[in-house]
Amino acid sequence: MTDTTSPAASAAVLHQVPYYSQWASPELVAAIVGGTMRAADDPRWAEYGASTPEEYEWWADQLCGVACLRMALGAWHLEVPDPMVLAADCVEVGAYVHRDDGGLDGLIYAPFAAYVRDRWGLAADVYPDLPTEQITKHVAAGDLVMLSVYRTIRALDPAPPRRGGHLVLAVGADEEHVVIHDPSGLPGRSQEYTHVRWSDLERFYAGRGIVLGRPRAPRT
């Protein structure tokens, strides 16, 4: 992963990071999230690693965090498994928890961060309180930051009903913007390298996230 500028806190920084949607076909996201197409009808569903279109449909709606992890793995030239492989890992470590009502609790930050450290050797730190100025600091230091935002950030909804509930990956920053890869972003509009003004981010951002970085040096 490289920066296009010097990674100083006051300078613009942009990391080169591959983009992965949380759906198998990024070009179909507008139709899927807009309700004009079922995710189960995605012709590339099997590439997700799912056993059936219905399994793919259920999981794809949940896996924004997995998509962010896949982007980070790609950025640091590590193996990028199919989403269902990572989802199964996250269930095993308690980062996703199946509910009795058939739903799913997750992504649960602490076990997810531990999994990222233990399985993939990346630095991963949970920040329950992550002010926007700290996002810039971490990105400038070479990190990628998973941010909890509301999903309608993809269209810059002027009045989202709440903050948080969806994860995007901060891959750059400057004085005016945070630059994000949005796993549920709209094709040609808000999927990759999307510049969001800090003032706009405030409407969606829950103030928490996970900072991902290069593997930590072994202790001596």
C-alpha atoms as a PDB file:
ATOM      1  CA  MET A   1       0.000   0.000   0.000  1.00  0.00           C
ATOM      2  CA  THR A   2       1.406   3.382  -0.931  1.00  0.00           C
ATOM      3  CA  ASP A   3       0.562   7.001  -0.211  1.00  0.00           C
ATOM      4  CA  THR A   4       0.207   9.534  -3.000  1.00  0.00           C
ATOM      5  CA  THR A   5       1.585  12.221  -0.681  1.00  0.00           C
ATOM      6  CA  SER A   6       3.795  12.462   2.378  1.00  0.00           C
ATOM      7  CA  PRO A   7       1.920  10.973   5.347  1.00  0.00           C
ATOM      8  CA  ALA A   8       1.934  14.120   7.456  1.00  0.00           C
ATOM      9  CA  ALA A   9      -1.080  14.864   9.602  1.00  0.00           C
ATOM     10  CA  SER A  10      -1.664  18.197   7.881  1.00  0.00           C
ATOM     11  CA  ALA A  11      -1.292  16.859   4.326  1.00  0.00           C
ATOM     12  CA  ALA A  12      -3.667  15.040   2.011  1.00  0.00           C
ATOM     13  CA  VAL A  13      -3.148  11.274   2.174  1.00  0.00           C
ATOM     14  CA  LEU A  14      -4.636   8.624  -0.091  1.00  0.00           C
ATOM     15  CA  HIS A  15      -3.852   4.917   0.203  1.00  0.00           C
ATOM     16  CA  GLN A  16      -4.097   2.565  -2.736  1.00  0.00           C
ATOM     17  CA  VAL A  17      -6.652  -0.022  -1.624  1.00  0.00           C
ATOM     18  CA  PRO A  18      -8.610  -2.532  -3.739  1.00  0.00           C
ATOM     19  CA  TYR A  19     -12.370  -2.195  -3.573  1.00  0.00           C
ATOM     20  CA  TYR A  20     -14.724  -5.019  -2.609  1.00  0.00           C
ATOM     21  CA  SER A  21     -18.471  -4.646  -2.414  1.00  0.00           C
ATOM     22  CA  GLN A  22     -20.414  -6.640   0.151  1.00  0.00           C
ATOM     23  CA  TRP A  23     -22.325  -8.076  -2.809  1.00  0.00           C
ATOM     24  CA  ALA A  24     -20.790 -10.260  -5.505  1.00  0.00           C
ATOM     25  CA  SER A  25     -21.723  -7.873  -8.338  1.00  0.00           C
ATOM     26  CA  PRO A  26     -20.848  -4.259  -7.460  1.00  0.00           C
ATOM     27  CA  GLU A  27     -22.576  -3.016 -10.592  1.00  0.00           C
ATOM     28  CA  LEU A  28     -25.924  -4.381  -9.318  1.00  0.00           C
ATOM     29  CA  VAL A  29     -25.882  -2.735  -5.897  1.00  0.00           C
ATOM     30  CA  ALA A  30     -28.221   0.109  -6.839  1.00  0.00           C
ATOM     31  CA  ALA A  31     -30.874  -2.378  -7.949  1.00  0.00           C
ATOM     32  CA  ILE A  32     -30.378  -4.600  -4.896  1.00  0.00           C
ATOM     33  CA  VAL A  33     -30.507  -1.885  -2.251  1.00  0.00           C
ATOM     34  CA  GLY A  34     -33.244  -0.084  -4.177  1.00  0.00           C
ATOM     35  CA  GLY A  35     -35.461  -3.174  -4.034  1.00  0.00           C
ATOM     36  CA  THR A  36     -35.860  -3.661  -7.768  1.00  0.00           C
ATOM     37  CA  MET A  37     -33.767  -6.837  -7.738  1.00  0.00           C
ATOM     38  CA  ARG A  38     -33.290  -9.613  -5.214  1.00  0.00           C
ATOM     39  CA  ALA A  39     -29.716 -10.343  -4.250  1.00  0.00           C
ATOM     40  CA  ALA A  40     -30.557 -14.021  -4.798  1.00  0.00           C
ATOM     41  CA  ASP A  41     -30.830 -13.191  -8.516  1.00  0.00           C
ATOM     42  CA  ASP A  42     -27.256 -11.908  -8.644  1.00  0.00           C
ATOM     43  CA  PRO A  43     -25.673 -14.074 -11.385  1.00  0.00           C
ATOM     44  CA  ARG A  44     -22.332 -14.083  -9.573  1.00  0.00           C
ATOM     45  CA  TRP A  45     -23.695 -15.323  -6.240  1.00  0.00           C
ATOM     46  CA  ALA A  46     -21.559 -18.506  -6.255  1.00  0.00           C
ATOM     47  CA  GLU A  47     -18.358 -16.442  -6.299  1.00  0.00           C
ATOM     48  CA  TYR A  48     -19.224 -15.403  -2.736  1.00  0.00           C
ATOM     49  CA  GLY A  49     -18.589 -18.918  -1.487  1.00  0.00           C
ATOM     50  CA  ALA A  50     -22.245 -19.488  -0.585  1.00  0.00           C
ATOM     51  CA  SER A  51     -24.001 -22.833  -1.065  1.00  0.00           C
ATOM     52  CA  THR A  52     -27.247 -21.372  -2.451  1.00  0.00           C
ATOM     53  CA  PRO A  53     -28.518 -18.040  -3.794  1.00  0.00           C
ATOM     54  CA  GLU A  54     -30.644 -17.721  -0.652  1.00  0.00           C
ATOM     55  CA  GLU A  55     -27.655 -18.188   1.641  1.00  0.00           C
ATOM     56  CA  TYR A  56     -25.792 -15.579  -0.362  1.00  0.00           C
ATOM     57  CA  GLU A  57     -28.722 -13.163  -0.162  1.00  0.00           C
ATOM     58  CA  TRP A  58     -28.969 -13.485   3.619  1.00  0.00           C
ATOM     59  CA  TRP A  59     -25.270 -13.096   4.303  1.00  0.00           C
ATOM     60  CA  ALA A  60     -24.390 -10.418   1.759  1.00  0.00           C
ATOM     61  CA  ASP A  61     -26.630  -7.916   3.512  1.00  0.00           C
ATOM     62  CA  GLN A  62     -24.646  -8.476   6.734  1.00  0.00           C
ATOM     63  CA  LEU A  63     -21.038  -8.460   5.591  1.00  0.00           C
ATOM     64  CA  CYS A  64     -19.959  -4.829   5.311  1.00  0.00           C
ATOM     65  CA  GLY A  65     -17.289  -5.498   7.943  1.00  0.00           C
ATOM     66  CA  VAL A  66     -16.008  -8.536   6.079  1.00  0.00           C
ATOM     67  CA  ALA A  67     -15.818  -6.455   2.897  1.00  0.00           C
ATOM     68  CA  CYS A  68     -13.710  -3.880   4.765  1.00  0.00           C
ATOM     69  CA  LEU A  69     -11.400  -6.622   6.008  1.00  0.00           C
ATOM     70  CA  ARG A  70     -11.027  -8.025   2.484  1.00  0.00           C
ATOM     71  CA  MET A  71      -9.998  -4.559   1.260  1.00  0.00           C
ATOM     72  CA  ALA A  72      -7.394  -4.270   4.016  1.00  0.00           C
ATOM     73  CA  LEU A  73      -6.012  -7.732   3.285  1.00  0.00           C
ATOM     74  CA  GLY A  74      -5.706  -6.811  -0.374  1.00  0.00           C
ATOM     75  CA  ALA A  75      -4.047  -3.503   0.432  1.00  0.00           C
ATOM     76  CA  TRP A  76      -1.288  -5.315   2.341  1.00  0.00           C
ATOM     77  CA  HIS A  77      -0.968  -8.052  -0.300  1.00  0.00           C
ATOM     78  CA  LEU A  78      -2.305 -10.846   1.859  1.00  0.00           C
ATOM     79  CA  GLU A  79      -4.641 -13.657   0.866  1.00  0.00           C
ATOM     80  CA  VAL A  80      -8.198 -12.422   0.277  1.00  0.00           C
ATOM     81  CA  PRO A  81     -10.598 -15.322   1.016  1.00  0.00           C
ATOM     82  CA  ASP A  82     -14.184 -15.537  -0.214  1.00  0.00           C
ATOM     83  CA  PRO A  83     -16.608 -13.618   2.020  1.00  0.00           C
ATOM     84  CA  MET A  84     -18.281 -16.771   3.333  1.00  0.00           C
ATOM     85  CA  VAL A  85     -14.937 -18.117   4.555  1.00  0.00           C
ATOM     86  CA  LEU A  86     -14.364 -14.969   6.593  1.00  0.00           C
ATOM     87  CA  ALA A  87     -17.973 -14.970   7.789  1.00  0.00           C
ATOM     88  CA  ALA A  88     -17.579 -18.530   9.108  1.00  0.00           C
ATOM     89  CA  ASP A  89     -14.372 -17.510  10.881  1.00  0.00           C
ATOM     90  CA  CYS A  90     -16.134 -14.561  12.476  1.00  0.00           C
ATOM     91  CA  VAL A  91     -18.986 -16.758  13.705  1.00  0.00           C
ATOM     92  CA  GLU A  92     -16.469 -19.171  15.203  1.00  0.00           C
ATOM     93  CA  VAL A  93     -14.673 -16.441  17.178  1.00  0.00           C
ATOM     94  CA  GLY A  94     -17.870 -14.714  18.336  1.00  0.00           C
ATOM     95  CA  ALA A  95     -17.650 -11.655  16.110  1.00  0.00           C
ATOM     96  CA  TYR A  96     -21.005 -12.638  14.577  1.00  0.00           C
ATOM     97  CA  VAL A  97     -23.632 -14.228  16.822  1.00  0.00           C
ATOM     98  CA  HIS A  98     -26.790 -15.880  15.512  1.00  0.00           C
ATOM     99  CA  ARG A  99     -29.912 -14.795  17.413  1.00  0.00           C
ATOM    100  CA  ASP A 100     -32.845 -17.003  18.337  1.00  0.00           C
ATOM    101  CA  ASP A 101     -35.115 -14.894  16.115  1.00  0.00           C
ATOM    102  CA  GLY A 102     -33.050 -15.801  13.044  1.00  0.00           C
ATOM    103  CA  GLY A 103     -31.147 -12.525  12.938  1.00  0.00           C
ATOM    104  CA  LEU A 104     -27.491 -11.816  13.490  1.00  0.00           C
ATOM    105  CA  ASP A 105     -25.660  -9.708  16.064  1.00  0.00           C
ATOM    106  CA  GLY A 106     -22.469  -8.208  14.749  1.00  0.00           C
ATOM    107  CA  LEU A 107     -19.991  -7.111  13.854  1.00  0.00           C
ATOM    108  CA  ILE A 108     -18.815  -7.335  17.483  1.00  0.00           C
ATOM    109  CA  TYR A 109     -15.639  -5.301  17.561  1.00  0.00           C
ATOM    110  CA  ALA A 110     -13.483  -6.890  20.266  1.00  0.00           C
ATOM    111  CA  PRO A 111     -13.536 -10.509  19.033  1.00  0.00           C
ATOM    112  CA  PHE A 112     -13.272  -9.280  15.446  1.00  0.00           C
ATOM    113  CA  ALA A 113     -10.141  -7.249  16.206  1.00  0.00           C
ATOM    114  CA  ALA A 114      -8.618 -10.187  18.089  1.00  0.00           C
ATOM    115  CA  TYR A 115      -9.329 -12.426  15.098  1.00  0.00           C
ATOM    116  CA  VAL A 116      -7.701  -9.960  12.699  1.00  0.00           C
ATOM    117  CA  ARG A 117      -4.590  -9.843  14.869  1.00  0.00           C
ATOM    118  CA  ASP A 118      -4.377 -13.583  15.518  1.00  0.00           C
ATOM    119  CA  ARG A 119      -5.343 -14.929  12.092  1.00  0.00           C
ATOM    120  CA  TRP A 120      -4.009 -12.262   9.755  1.00  0.00           C
ATOM    121  CA  GLY A 121      -1.194 -10.668  11.726  1.00  0.00           C
ATOM    122  CA  LEU A 122      -2.488  -7.147  11.210  1.00  0.00           C
ATOM    123  CA  ALA A 123      -2.644  -4.513  13.876  1.00  0.00           C
ATOM    124  CA  ALA A 124      -6.282  -4.046  14.910  1.00  0.00           C
ATOM    125  CA  ASP A 125      -7.466  -1.747  17.676  1.00  0.00           C
ATOM    126  CA  VAL A 126     -11.014  -0.953  18.758  1.00  0.00           C
ATOM    127  CA  TYR A 127     -11.870   2.697  19.416  1.00  0.00           C
ATOM    128  CA  PRO A 128     -15.264   3.145  21.141  1.00  0.00           C
ATOM    129  CA  ASP A 129     -14.593   6.891  20.962  1.00  0.00           C
ATOM    130  CA  LEU A 130     -12.875   7.951  17.737  1.00  0.00           C
ATOM    131  CA  PRO A 131     -13.142  11.692  17.016  1.00  0.00           C
ATOM    132  CA  THR A 132     -12.845  12.784  13.420  1.00  0.00           C
ATOM    133  CA  GLU A 133      -9.453  14.412  13.972  1.00  0.00           C
ATOM    134  CA  GLN A 134      -8.147  11.030  15.097  1.00  0.00           C
ATOM    135  CA  ILE A 135      -9.322   9.461  11.840  1.00  0.00           C
ATOM    136  CA  THR A 136      -7.027  11.843   9.972  1.00  0.00           C
ATOM    137  CA  LYS A 137      -4.163  11.039  12.330  1.00  0.00           C
ATOM    138  CA  HIS A 138      -4.497   7.297  11.842  1.00  0.00           C
ATOM    139  CA  VAL A 139      -4.874   7.491   8.070  1.00  0.00           C
ATOM    140  CA  ALA A 140      -1.852   9.779   7.854  1.00  0.00           C
ATOM    141  CA  ALA A 141       0.146   7.240   9.871  1.00  0.00           C
ATOM    142  CA  GLY A 142      -0.552   4.596   7.215  1.00  0.00           C
ATOM    143  CA  ASP A 143      -3.568   2.896   8.790  1.00  0.00           C
ATOM    144  CA  LEU A 144      -6.975   2.050   7.372  1.00  0.00           C
ATOM    145  CA  VAL A 145      -9.976   2.835   9.556  1.00  0.00           C
ATOM    146  CA  MET A 146     -13.289   1.012   9.698  1.00  0.00           C
ATOM    147  CA  LEU A 147     -15.919   3.623  10.564  1.00  0.00           C
ATOM    148  CA  SER A 148     -19.393   2.980  11.932  1.00  0.00           C
ATOM    149  CA  VAL A 149     -21.819   5.054   9.841  1.00  0.00           C
ATOM    150  CA  TYR A 150     -25.431   4.846   8.749  1.00  0.00           C
ATOM    151  CA  ARG A 151     -25.826   3.047   5.431  1.00  0.00           C
ATOM    152  CA  THR A 152     -27.481   5.943   3.577  1.00  0.00           C
ATOM    153  CA  ILE A 153     -24.140   7.694   3.512  1.00  0.00           C
ATOM    154  CA  ARG A 154     -23.954   6.126   0.035  1.00  0.00           C
ATOM    155  CA  ALA A 155     -26.391   8.807  -1.170  1.00  0.00           C
ATOM    156  CA  LEU A 156     -25.462  11.500   1.363  1.00  0.00           C
ATOM    157  CA  ASP A 157     -28.953  11.310   2.826  1.00  0.00           C
ATOM    158  CA  PRO A 158     -29.703  14.793   4.241  1.00  0.00           C
ATOM    159  CA  ALA A 159     -31.545  13.344   7.257  1.00  0.00           C
ATOM    160  CA  PRO A 160     -30.488   9.779   8.167  1.00  0.00           C
ATOM    161  CA  PRO A 161     -32.661   8.251  10.894  1.00  0.00           C
ATOM    162  CA  ARG A 162     -29.678   7.441  13.093  1.00  0.00           C
ATOM    163  CA  ARG A 163     -25.911   7.067  13.156  1.00  0.00           C
ATOM    164  CA  GLY A 164     -23.958   3.838  12.875  1.00  0.00           C
ATOM    165  CA  GLY A 165     -24.966   0.311  11.910  1.00  0.00           C
ATOM    166  CA  HIS A 166     -22.859   0.053   8.742  1.00  0.00           C
ATOM    167  CA  LEU A 167     -19.099  -0.091   8.215  1.00  0.00           C
ATOM    168  CA  VAL A 168     -17.043   1.749   5.618  1.00  0.00           C
ATOM    169  CA  LEU A 169     -13.274   1.904   5.205  1.00  0.00           C
ATOM    170  CA  ALA A 170     -11.435   5.222   5.431  1.00  0.00           C
ATOM    171  CA  VAL A 171      -8.597   5.091   2.904  1.00  0.00           C
ATOM    172  CA  GLY A 172      -7.642   8.763   2.744  1.00  0.00           C
ATOM    173  CA  ALA A 173      -8.146  12.193   4.258  1.00  0.00           C
ATOM    174  CA  ASP A 174      -7.481  15.879   3.754  1.00  0.00           C
ATOM    175  CA  GLU A 175      -8.597  19.022   5.539  1.00  0.00           C
ATOM    176  CA  GLU A 176     -12.027  19.009   3.915  1.00  0.00           C
ATOM    177  CA  HIS A 177     -12.790  15.322   3.365  1.00  0.00           C
ATOM    178  CA  VAL A 178     -12.510  11.764   4.508  1.00  0.00           C
ATOM    179  CA  VAL A 179     -12.081   9.374   1.583  1.00  0.00           C
ATOM    180  CA  ILE A 180     -13.942   6.081   1.923  1.00  0.00           C
ATOM    181  CA  HIS A 181     -14.527   2.747   0.262  1.00  0.00           C
ATOM    182  CA  ASP A 182     -18.196   1.928   0.958  1.00  0.00           C
ATOM    183  CA  PRO A 183     -19.116  -1.796   0.712  1.00  0.00           C
ATOM    184  CA  SER A 184     -22.727  -0.859  -0.100  1.00  0.00           C
ATOM    185  CA  GLY A 185     -21.908   2.186  -2.188  1.00  0.00           C
ATOM    186  CA  LEU A 186     -23.639   2.918  -5.475  1.00  0.00           C
ATOM    187  CA  PRO A 187     -21.809   2.100  -8.721  1.00  0.00           C
ATOM    188  CA  GLY A 188     -20.238   5.106 -10.365  1.00  0.00           C
ATOM    189  CA  ARG A 189     -21.190   7.281  -7.435  1.00  0.00           C
ATOM    190  CA  SER A 190     -20.110   6.180  -3.975  1.00  0.00           C
ATOM    191  CA  GLN A 191     -18.306   2.853  -4.011  1.00  0.00           C
ATOM    192  CA  GLU A 192     -14.584   3.640  -4.041  1.00  0.00           C
ATOM    193  CA  TYR A 193     -12.462   6.687  -3.248  1.00  0.00           C
ATOM    194  CA  THR A 194     -15.568   8.635  -2.328  1.00  0.00           C
ATOM    195  CA  HIS A 195     -14.773  12.063  -0.883  1.00  0.00           C
ATOM    196  CA  VAL A 196     -17.155  12.863   1.972  1.00  0.00           C
ATOM    197  CA  ARG A 197     -16.947  16.263   3.628  1.00  0.00           C
ATOM    198  CA  TRP A 198     -16.260  16.075   7.334  1.00  0.00           C
ATOM    199  CA  SER A 199     -19.395  18.150   7.923  1.00  0.00           C
ATOM    200  CA  ASP A 200     -21.438  15.551   6.017  1.00  0.00           C
ATOM    201  CA  LEU A 201     -19.817  12.639   7.836  1.00  0.00           C
ATOM    202  CA  GLU A 202     -21.115  13.963  11.147  1.00  0.00           C
ATOM    203  CA  ARG A 203     -24.712  13.119  10.131  1.00  0.00           C
ATOM    204  CA  PHE A 204     -23.874   9.426   9.738  1.00  0.00           C
ATOM    205  CA  TYR A 205     -20.889   8.709  11.952  1.00  0.00           C
ATOM    206  CA  ALA A 206     -21.422   7.032  15.322  1.00  0.00           C
ATOM    207  CA  GLY A 207     -18.009   8.125  16.600  1.00  0.00           C
ATOM    208  CA  ARG A 208     -16.472   4.665  16.843  1.00  0.00           C
ATOM    209  CA  GLY A 209     -14.453   2.312  14.701  1.00  0.00           C
ATOM    210  CA  ILE A 210     -11.590  -0.140  14.278  1.00  0.00           C
ATOM    211  CA  VAL A 211      -8.116   0.930  13.192  1.00  0.00           C
ATOM    212  CA  LEU A 212      -6.297  -1.587  10.999  1.00  0.00           C
ATOM    213  CA  GLY A 213      -2.570  -1.422  10.344  1.00  0.00           C
ATOM    214  CA  ARG A 214       0.459  -3.287   9.146  1.00  0.00           C
ATOM    215  CA  PRO A 215       1.585  -6.206  11.323  1.00  0.00           C
ATOM    216  CA  ARG A 216       3.124  -5.068  14.563  1.00  0.00           C
ATOM    217  CA  ALA A 217       6.819  -5.739  15.009  1.00  0.00           C
ATOM    218  CA  PRO A 218       7.453  -8.740  17.288  1.00  0.00           C
ATOM    219  CA  ARG A 219       8.391  -7.921  20.849  1.00  0.00           C
ATOM    220  CA  THR A 220      12.013  -8.364  21.850  1.00  0.00           C
END
